[in-house]
């Protein structure tokens, strides 16, 4: 499996496939080795939690579960649409930096 993921932690993404299709959320965690991401408010599962100590409450806890990174698409901060991402190498002060670019409106982020 490839170790590259097209999204980073903190990006706003939209789900393009599955039961949560159309849902927007912020990326909380990225696991490039598995090719998965955890998105805020998406793919909610119910976990059974046992009490760890005496007097602590156990029960059912709702939490976000990981989904494959290829099921999400980045949302452009300028045009607000789900977009593909291109890369541009910019030179600033003698240093080369790789910037992500929106394929629809050419906004850099």
Protein backbone atom coordinates (compact mmCIF):
# COMPACT_ATOMS: atom_id res chain seq x y z
CA UNK A 1 0.00 0.00 0.00
CA UNK A 2 1.15 3.53 -0.76
CA UNK A 3 2.29 5.75 2.11
CA UNK A 4 1.06 9.00 0.52
CA UNK A 5 -2.24 10.60 1.45
CA UNK A 6 -3.61 13.67 -0.35
CA UNK A 7 -5.02 15.31 2.81
CA UNK A 8 -3.38 16.66 5.95
CA UNK A 9 -4.57 17.05 9.53
CA UNK A 10 -6.74 20.16 9.81
CA UNK A 11 -7.98 20.14 6.19
CA UNK A 12 -11.69 20.46 5.46
CA UNK A 13 -12.93 17.52 3.39
CA UNK A 14 -16.17 16.18 1.96
CA UNK A 15 -17.10 12.49 1.87
CA UNK A 16 -17.75 11.36 -1.72
CA UNK A 17 -18.76 7.74 -1.13
CA UNK A 18 -20.54 5.59 1.45
CA UNK A 19 -23.26 6.09 4.06
CA UNK A 20 -22.01 9.58 5.02
CA UNK A 21 -21.81 10.85 1.44
CA UNK A 22 -21.95 14.65 1.25
CA UNK A 23 -20.86 15.22 4.85
CA UNK A 24 -18.23 17.90 5.44
CA UNK A 25 -15.77 17.78 8.29
CA UNK A 26 -12.30 18.57 9.52
CA UNK A 27 -9.58 15.91 9.36
CA UNK A 28 -8.63 14.98 12.93
CA UNK A 29 -6.04 12.30 12.22
CA UNK A 30 -4.23 10.79 9.23
CA UNK A 31 -2.74 7.28 9.08
CA UNK A 32 -0.66 7.15 5.86
CA UNK A 33 0.55 3.60 6.51
CA UNK A 34 -3.08 2.36 6.40
CA UNK A 35 -4.31 4.97 3.91
CA UNK A 36 -7.04 6.07 6.32
CA UNK A 37 -8.28 9.31 7.88
CA UNK A 38 -10.53 10.21 10.79
CA UNK A 39 -12.98 13.03 10.00
CA UNK A 40 -14.86 15.02 12.63
CA UNK A 41 -18.55 14.03 12.80
CA UNK A 42 -18.29 11.37 10.07
CA UNK A 43 -18.47 7.54 10.30
CA UNK A 44 -19.79 7.54 13.88
CA UNK A 45 -19.67 4.13 15.59
CA UNK A 46 -20.87 2.96 19.01
CA UNK A 47 -18.24 1.47 21.30
CA UNK A 48 -18.90 -0.58 24.41
CA UNK A 49 -16.71 0.75 27.22
CA UNK A 50 -16.00 -1.13 30.44
CA UNK A 51 -15.47 0.83 33.64
CA UNK A 52 -11.73 1.00 34.45
CA UNK A 53 -12.01 1.81 38.17
CA UNK A 54 -14.52 1.32 40.95
CA UNK A 55 -17.30 3.86 40.69
CA UNK A 56 -16.51 4.80 37.10
CA UNK A 57 -19.35 4.66 34.62
CA UNK A 58 -19.21 2.25 31.70
CA UNK A 59 -21.61 2.07 28.79
CA UNK A 60 -21.96 3.03 25.17
CA UNK A 61 -19.75 5.76 23.71
CA UNK A 62 -20.12 7.26 20.23
CA UNK A 63 -16.84 7.99 18.44
CA UNK A 64 -15.52 8.70 14.94
CA UNK A 65 -14.02 5.74 13.14
CA UNK A 66 -11.41 5.74 10.36
CA UNK A 67 -12.37 5.66 6.71
CA UNK A 68 -10.27 5.27 3.59
CA UNK A 69 -8.61 8.46 2.39
CA UNK A 70 -9.75 7.89 -1.18
CA UNK A 71 -13.37 8.29 -0.01
CA UNK A 72 -12.77 11.93 0.88
CA UNK A 73 -12.04 14.94 -1.32
CA UNK A 74 -10.47 18.21 -0.26
CA UNK A 75 -12.67 21.33 -0.10
CA UNK A 76 -11.06 24.45 -1.60
CA UNK A 77 -10.98 27.34 0.90
CA UNK A 78 -11.56 29.90 -1.89
CA UNK A 79 -14.30 28.41 -4.08
CA UNK A 80 -15.77 26.08 -1.42
CA UNK A 81 -16.10 23.12 -3.79
CA UNK A 82 -14.76 19.58 -3.60
CA UNK A 83 -11.65 19.66 -5.77
CA UNK A 84 -8.70 17.68 -6.97
CA UNK A 85 -5.34 18.98 -5.84
CA UNK A 86 -2.34 19.85 -7.98
CA UNK A 87 1.14 20.83 -6.86
CA UNK A 88 3.25 23.85 -7.82
CA UNK A 89 6.87 24.46 -6.85
CA UNK A 90 7.40 28.08 -5.81
CA UNK A 91 10.70 29.79 -5.21
CA UNK A 92 10.80 32.28 -2.33
CA UNK A 93 14.10 33.84 -1.28
CA UNK A 94 16.15 31.07 -2.86
CA UNK A 95 14.10 28.30 -1.21
CA UNK A 96 11.83 26.01 -3.17
CA UNK A 97 8.50 25.16 -1.57
CA UNK A 98 5.85 22.78 -2.80
CA UNK A 99 2.35 24.32 -2.63
CA UNK A 100 -1.00 22.61 -3.10
CA UNK A 101 -3.23 24.18 -5.77
CA UNK A 102 -6.97 23.90 -6.49
CA UNK A 103 -7.53 22.43 -9.96
CA UNK A 104 -10.71 24.51 -10.49
CA UNK A 105 -9.74 28.05 -9.38
CA UNK A 106 -5.92 27.80 -9.01
CA UNK A 107 -6.05 28.97 -5.37
CA UNK A 108 -2.96 28.06 -3.37
CA UNK A 109 -3.21 26.46 0.06
